[in-house]
Amino acid sequence: MPANTDGIDIAVSDVTIDLNGFTLKGPVTCTGVGITLSCSKTAAANGIAATGQFVTGNMTVRNGTVRGFGQLGVTLTGTGNIVDGVNASENLASGIYVWYGTVSNTTSSRNGAGFVCFAGQLKHNTAYGNSGDGILLNCCSATDNATTTLTMASRDFTPSSAATSQTVTGWETSSTRLAS
């Protein structure tokens, strides 16, 4: 994949991308893990991104790997989006970045941040070896995820985030409700 070129740009709503077990690979490579993670900064592109002017949601990305992009591995905005069964690794900014969607059965490792979720839901995911937050929740619910760091903040949103059944080494919270 050439530098500064998104792997797949989604320009319309109601799209399903089934990677069928294949890998979408960008030019970025990384060594190390966690705070020792070091990646080549050769590109400023996303792996799979909702970029169209009229994209409103209902996009699904599933069943494959997105690795080595200079920005986000998978980024979906709009409502009703789904990321399921994806492995995101070695993406400089974040492995998975979702607004108003559901991320499940997904692994995010050796990225800047693992998962960034705004007003959505994370279920049965694993984040490890990321240099930043493993899971960052903003007005999201999270159930049965595993990570070394979980950050929750309400920021500009009024509702609270909720997290249940997490396996976490460190917590950072701000204007957040934790439930067990």
C-alpha atoms as a PDB file:
ATOM      1  CA  MET A   1       0.000   0.000   0.000  1.00  0.00           C
ATOM      2  CA  PRO A   2       1.523   3.393  -0.938  1.00  0.00           C
ATOM      3  CA  ALA A   3       2.203   5.894   1.850  1.00  0.00           C
ATOM      4  CA  ASN A   4      -0.531   8.479   2.554  1.00  0.00           C
ATOM      5  CA  THR A   5      -3.201   6.361   0.835  1.00  0.00           C
ATOM      6  CA  ASP A   6      -6.132   4.917   2.796  1.00  0.00           C
ATOM      7  CA  GLY A   7      -6.516   1.184   2.346  1.00  0.00           C
ATOM      8  CA  ILE A   8     -10.298   1.356   1.825  1.00  0.00           C
ATOM      9  CA  ASP A   9     -12.405   4.537   1.816  1.00  0.00           C
ATOM     10  CA  ILE A  10     -16.114   4.025   2.450  1.00  0.00           C
ATOM     11  CA  ALA A  11     -18.021   6.733   0.598  1.00  0.00           C
ATOM     12  CA  VAL A  12     -21.620   5.575   1.186  1.00  0.00           C
ATOM     13  CA  SER A  13     -23.706   4.123   4.021  1.00  0.00           C
ATOM     14  CA  ASP A  14     -25.039   0.569   4.334  1.00  0.00           C
ATOM     15  CA  VAL A  15     -21.763  -1.179   3.418  1.00  0.00           C
ATOM     16  CA  THR A  16     -20.329  -4.494   4.644  1.00  0.00           C
ATOM     17  CA  ILE A  17     -16.638  -5.253   4.225  1.00  0.00           C
ATOM     18  CA  ASP A  18     -15.830  -8.890   4.973  1.00  0.00           C
ATOM     19  CA  LEU A  19     -12.064  -9.273   4.851  1.00  0.00           C
ATOM     20  CA  ASN A  20     -12.571 -13.057   4.739  1.00  0.00           C
ATOM     21  CA  GLY A  21      -9.480 -13.662   6.881  1.00  0.00           C
ATOM     22  CA  PHE A  22      -7.189 -11.517   4.733  1.00  0.00           C
ATOM     23  CA  THR A  23      -4.866  -8.711   5.872  1.00  0.00           C
ATOM     24  CA  LEU A  24      -5.082  -5.103   4.695  1.00  0.00           C
ATOM     25  CA  LYS A  25      -1.478  -3.946   5.160  1.00  0.00           C
ATOM     26  CA  GLY A  26      -0.062  -0.436   5.112  1.00  0.00           C
ATOM     27  CA  PRO A  27       3.595   0.689   5.011  1.00  0.00           C
ATOM     28  CA  VAL A  28       4.104   1.256   8.775  1.00  0.00           C
ATOM     29  CA  THR A  29       6.168  -1.269  10.744  1.00  0.00           C
ATOM     30  CA  CYS A  30       6.667  -1.371  14.507  1.00  0.00           C
ATOM     31  CA  THR A  31       9.085  -2.865  16.996  1.00  0.00           C
ATOM     32  CA  GLY A  32       8.673  -3.234  20.740  1.00  0.00           C
ATOM     33  CA  VAL A  33       5.491  -3.262  22.763  1.00  0.00           C
ATOM     34  CA  GLY A  34       3.653  -0.845  25.094  1.00  0.00           C
ATOM     35  CA  ILE A  35       5.797   2.092  26.183  1.00  0.00           C
ATOM     36  CA  THR A  36       8.741   0.740  24.162  1.00  0.00           C
ATOM     37  CA  LEU A  37       6.660   0.604  20.967  1.00  0.00           C
ATOM     38  CA  SER A  38       8.420   2.384  18.117  1.00  0.00           C
ATOM     39  CA  CYS A  39       6.878   2.654  14.649  1.00  0.00           C
ATOM     40  CA  SER A  40       8.106   3.991  11.324  1.00  0.00           C
ATOM     41  CA  LYS A  41       6.275   7.237  10.563  1.00  0.00           C
ATOM     42  CA  THR A  42       6.125   6.805   6.837  1.00  0.00           C
ATOM     43  CA  ALA A  43       2.454   7.475   6.207  1.00  0.00           C
ATOM     44  CA  ALA A  44      -0.587   9.485   7.276  1.00  0.00           C
ATOM     45  CA  ALA A  45      -3.418   7.248   6.121  1.00  0.00           C
ATOM     46  CA  ASN A  46      -6.164   5.047   7.570  1.00  0.00           C
ATOM     47  CA  GLY A  47      -6.718   1.359   6.954  1.00  0.00           C
ATOM     48  CA  ILE A  48     -10.514   1.410   6.538  1.00  0.00           C
ATOM     49  CA  ALA A  49     -12.241   4.780   6.872  1.00  0.00           C
ATOM     50  CA  ALA A  50     -15.717   6.251   6.473  1.00  0.00           C
ATOM     51  CA  THR A  51     -14.855   9.353   4.466  1.00  0.00           C
ATOM     52  CA  GLY A  52     -17.806  10.109   2.231  1.00  0.00           C
ATOM     53  CA  GLN A  53     -19.745  13.345   2.598  1.00  0.00           C
ATOM     54  CA  PHE A  54     -23.041  11.447   2.768  1.00  0.00           C
ATOM     55  CA  VAL A  55     -21.952   8.563   5.024  1.00  0.00           C
ATOM     56  CA  THR A  56     -24.494   8.250   7.851  1.00  0.00           C
ATOM     57  CA  GLY A  57     -23.748   4.766   9.170  1.00  0.00           C
ATOM     58  CA  ASN A  58     -24.732   1.115   9.018  1.00  0.00           C
ATOM     59  CA  MET A  59     -21.238   0.027   8.012  1.00  0.00           C
ATOM     60  CA  THR A  60     -19.755  -3.327   8.999  1.00  0.00           C
ATOM     61  CA  VAL A  61     -16.107  -4.381   8.941  1.00  0.00           C
ATOM     62  CA  ARG A  62     -15.376  -7.967   9.918  1.00  0.00           C
ATOM     63  CA  ASN A  63     -13.221 -11.051   9.768  1.00  0.00           C
ATOM     64  CA  GLY A  64      -9.648  -9.940   9.042  1.00  0.00           C
ATOM     65  CA  THR A  65      -6.564  -7.926   9.957  1.00  0.00           C
ATOM     66  CA  VAL A  66      -5.812  -4.223   9.430  1.00  0.00           C
ATOM     67  CA  ARG A  67      -2.139  -3.497  10.058  1.00  0.00           C
ATOM     68  CA  GLY A  68       0.471  -0.828   9.513  1.00  0.00           C
ATOM     69  CA  PHE A  69      -1.327   2.447   8.808  1.00  0.00           C
ATOM     70  CA  GLY A  70      -0.084   5.906   9.813  1.00  0.00           C
ATOM     71  CA  GLN A  71      -3.369   7.002  11.400  1.00  0.00           C
ATOM     72  CA  LEU A  72      -6.304   4.744  12.337  1.00  0.00           C
ATOM     73  CA  GLY A  73      -6.705   1.055  11.563  1.00  0.00           C
ATOM     74  CA  VAL A  74     -10.510   1.168  11.276  1.00  0.00           C
ATOM     75  CA  THR A  75     -12.504   4.392  11.723  1.00  0.00           C
ATOM     76  CA  LEU A  76     -16.297   4.437  11.380  1.00  0.00           C
ATOM     77  CA  THR A  77     -18.636   7.326  12.167  1.00  0.00           C
ATOM     78  CA  GLY A  78     -22.402   7.523  11.971  1.00  0.00           C
ATOM     79  CA  THR A  79     -24.934   5.218  13.638  1.00  0.00           C
ATOM     80  CA  GLY A  80     -25.348   1.459  13.545  1.00  0.00           C
ATOM     81  CA  ASN A  81     -21.746   0.574  12.685  1.00  0.00           C
ATOM     82  CA  ILE A  82     -20.232  -2.808  13.543  1.00  0.00           C
ATOM     83  CA  VAL A  83     -16.641  -4.016  13.824  1.00  0.00           C
ATOM     84  CA  ASP A  84     -16.476  -7.752  14.526  1.00  0.00           C
ATOM     85  CA  GLY A  85     -13.653 -10.269  14.462  1.00  0.00           C
ATOM     86  CA  VAL A  86     -10.962  -7.795  13.393  1.00  0.00           C
ATOM     87  CA  ASN A  87      -7.312  -7.779  14.447  1.00  0.00           C
ATOM     88  CA  ALA A  88      -5.881  -4.228  14.336  1.00  0.00           C
ATOM     89  CA  SER A  89      -2.151  -3.825  14.907  1.00  0.00           C
ATOM     90  CA  GLU A  90       0.741  -1.435  14.287  1.00  0.00           C
ATOM     91  CA  ASN A  91      -1.468   1.573  13.460  1.00  0.00           C
ATOM     92  CA  LEU A  92       0.066   4.825  14.719  1.00  0.00           C
ATOM     93  CA  ALA A  93      -2.983   6.625  16.142  1.00  0.00           C
ATOM     94  CA  SER A  94      -5.499   3.934  17.117  1.00  0.00           C
ATOM     95  CA  GLY A  95      -6.411   0.418  16.090  1.00  0.00           C
ATOM     96  CA  ILE A  96     -10.207   0.853  16.201  1.00  0.00           C
ATOM     97  CA  TYR A  97     -12.019   4.230  16.364  1.00  0.00           C
ATOM     98  CA  VAL A  98     -15.826   4.051  16.376  1.00  0.00           C
ATOM     99  CA  TRP A  99     -18.678   6.527  16.965  1.00  0.00           C
ATOM    100  CA  TYR A 100     -22.194   5.201  17.724  1.00  0.00           C
ATOM    101  CA  GLY A 101     -21.320   1.605  16.916  1.00  0.00           C
ATOM    102  CA  THR A 102     -20.538  -1.811  18.352  1.00  0.00           C
ATOM    103  CA  VAL A 103     -17.114  -3.438  18.447  1.00  0.00           C
ATOM    104  CA  SER A 104     -16.976  -7.121  19.383  1.00  0.00           C
ATOM    105  CA  ASN A 105     -14.617 -10.097  19.307  1.00  0.00           C
ATOM    106  CA  THR A 106     -11.779  -7.829  18.175  1.00  0.00           C
ATOM    107  CA  THR A 107      -8.120  -7.536  19.177  1.00  0.00           C
ATOM    108  CA  SER A 108      -6.163  -4.289  19.071  1.00  0.00           C
ATOM    109  CA  SER A 109      -2.432  -4.563  19.764  1.00  0.00           C
ATOM    110  CA  ARG A 110       0.738  -2.515  19.318  1.00  0.00           C
ATOM    111  CA  ASN A 111      -1.098   0.642  18.170  1.00  0.00           C
ATOM    112  CA  GLY A 112      -1.037   4.161  19.605  1.00  0.00           C
ATOM    113  CA  ALA A 113      -4.350   3.503  21.397  1.00  0.00           C
ATOM    114  CA  GLY A 114      -6.181   0.199  21.182  1.00  0.00           C
ATOM    115  CA  PHE A 115      -9.876   1.090  21.035  1.00  0.00           C
ATOM    116  CA  VAL A 116     -11.454   4.561  21.016  1.00  0.00           C
ATOM    117  CA  CYS A 117     -15.230   4.433  21.439  1.00  0.00           C
ATOM    118  CA  PHE A 118     -17.665   7.376  21.495  1.00  0.00           C
ATOM    119  CA  ALA A 119     -21.317   6.678  22.378  1.00  0.00           C
ATOM    120  CA  GLY A 120     -21.054   3.024  21.438  1.00  0.00           C
ATOM    121  CA  GLN A 121     -20.506  -0.439  22.846  1.00  0.00           C
ATOM    122  CA  LEU A 122     -17.449  -2.686  23.291  1.00  0.00           C
ATOM    123  CA  LYS A 123     -18.006  -6.411  23.936  1.00  0.00           C
ATOM    124  CA  HIS A 124     -15.525  -9.296  24.232  1.00  0.00           C
ATOM    125  CA  ASN A 125     -12.448  -7.409  22.976  1.00  0.00           C
ATOM    126  CA  THR A 126      -8.769  -7.545  23.893  1.00  0.00           C
ATOM    127  CA  ALA A 127      -6.278  -4.674  23.894  1.00  0.00           C
ATOM    128  CA  TYR A 128      -2.607  -5.222  24.698  1.00  0.00           C
ATOM    129  CA  GLY A 129       0.821  -3.775  23.963  1.00  0.00           C
ATOM    130  CA  ASN A 130      -0.519  -0.388  22.838  1.00  0.00           C
ATOM    131  CA  SER A 131       1.636   2.658  23.639  1.00  0.00           C
ATOM    132  CA  GLY A 132      -1.399   4.714  24.775  1.00  0.00           C
ATOM    133  CA  ASP A 133      -4.774   3.739  26.221  1.00  0.00           C
ATOM    134  CA  GLY A 134      -5.826   0.150  25.698  1.00  0.00           C
ATOM    135  CA  ILE A 135      -9.497   1.147  25.725  1.00  0.00           C
ATOM    136  CA  LEU A 136     -10.767   4.734  25.795  1.00  0.00           C
ATOM    137  CA  LEU A 137     -14.503   5.066  26.444  1.00  0.00           C
ATOM    138  CA  ASN A 138     -16.522   8.243  26.069  1.00  0.00           C
ATOM    139  CA  CYS A 139     -20.241   7.676  26.743  1.00  0.00           C
ATOM    140  CA  CYS A 140     -19.839   3.985  25.920  1.00  0.00           C
ATOM    141  CA  SER A 141     -20.694   0.717  27.541  1.00  0.00           C
ATOM    142  CA  ALA A 142     -18.035  -1.968  27.828  1.00  0.00           C
ATOM    143  CA  THR A 143     -18.630  -5.597  28.759  1.00  0.00           C
ATOM    144  CA  ASP A 144     -16.143  -8.453  29.195  1.00  0.00           C
ATOM    145  CA  ASN A 145     -13.047  -6.844  27.663  1.00  0.00           C
ATOM    146  CA  ALA A 146      -9.382  -7.365  28.570  1.00  0.00           C
ATOM    147  CA  THR A 147      -6.808  -4.554  28.596  1.00  0.00           C
ATOM    148  CA  THR A 148      -3.920  -3.125  30.568  1.00  0.00           C
ATOM    149  CA  THR A 149      -5.378   0.415  30.613  1.00  0.00           C
ATOM    150  CA  LEU A 150      -8.966   1.633  30.513  1.00  0.00           C
ATOM    151  CA  THR A 151      -9.642   5.367  30.259  1.00  0.00           C
ATOM    152  CA  MET A 152     -13.147   6.782  30.543  1.00  0.00           C
ATOM    153  CA  ALA A 153     -14.136  10.405  30.158  1.00  0.00           C
ATOM    154  CA  SER A 154     -17.362  12.234  29.577  1.00  0.00           C
ATOM    155  CA  ARG A 155     -15.620  15.218  27.922  1.00  0.00           C
ATOM    156  CA  ASP A 156     -18.260  17.092  25.913  1.00  0.00           C
ATOM    157  CA  PHE A 157     -20.925  14.425  26.414  1.00  0.00           C
ATOM    158  CA  THR A 158     -23.479  14.560  29.224  1.00  0.00           C
ATOM    159  CA  PRO A 159     -24.251  10.819  29.628  1.00  0.00           C
ATOM    160  CA  SER A 160     -21.872   8.588  31.575  1.00  0.00           C
ATOM    161  CA  SER A 161     -19.933   5.588  30.411  1.00  0.00           C
ATOM    162  CA  ALA A 162     -20.469   2.216  32.048  1.00  0.00           C
ATOM    163  CA  ALA A 163     -17.985  -0.633  32.276  1.00  0.00           C
ATOM    164  CA  THR A 164     -18.748  -4.141  33.538  1.00  0.00           C
ATOM    165  CA  SER A 165     -16.692  -7.352  33.809  1.00  0.00           C
ATOM    166  CA  GLN A 166     -13.413  -5.815  32.661  1.00  0.00           C
ATOM    167  CA  THR A 167      -9.962  -7.325  33.163  1.00  0.00           C
ATOM    168  CA  VAL A 168      -7.863  -4.204  33.646  1.00  0.00           C
ATOM    169  CA  THR A 169      -4.472  -3.397  35.154  1.00  0.00           C
ATOM    170  CA  GLY A 170      -4.898   0.412  35.387  1.00  0.00           C
ATOM    171  CA  TRP A 171      -7.901   2.777  35.453  1.00  0.00           C
ATOM    172  CA  GLU A 172      -8.281   6.447  34.631  1.00  0.00           C
ATOM    173  CA  THR A 173     -11.722   8.016  34.991  1.00  0.00           C
ATOM    174  CA  SER A 174     -13.352  11.388  34.572  1.00  0.00           C
ATOM    175  CA  SER A 175     -17.105  12.031  34.978  1.00  0.00           C
ATOM    176  CA  THR A 176     -17.706   8.310  34.609  1.00  0.00           C
ATOM    177  CA  ARG A 177     -19.920   5.689  36.258  1.00  0.00           C
ATOM    178  CA  LEU A 178     -18.448   2.228  36.875  1.00  0.00           C
ATOM    179  CA  ALA A 179     -20.851  -0.664  37.404  1.00  0.00           C
ATOM    180  CA  SER A 180     -20.191  -4.221  38.493  1.00  0.00           C
END
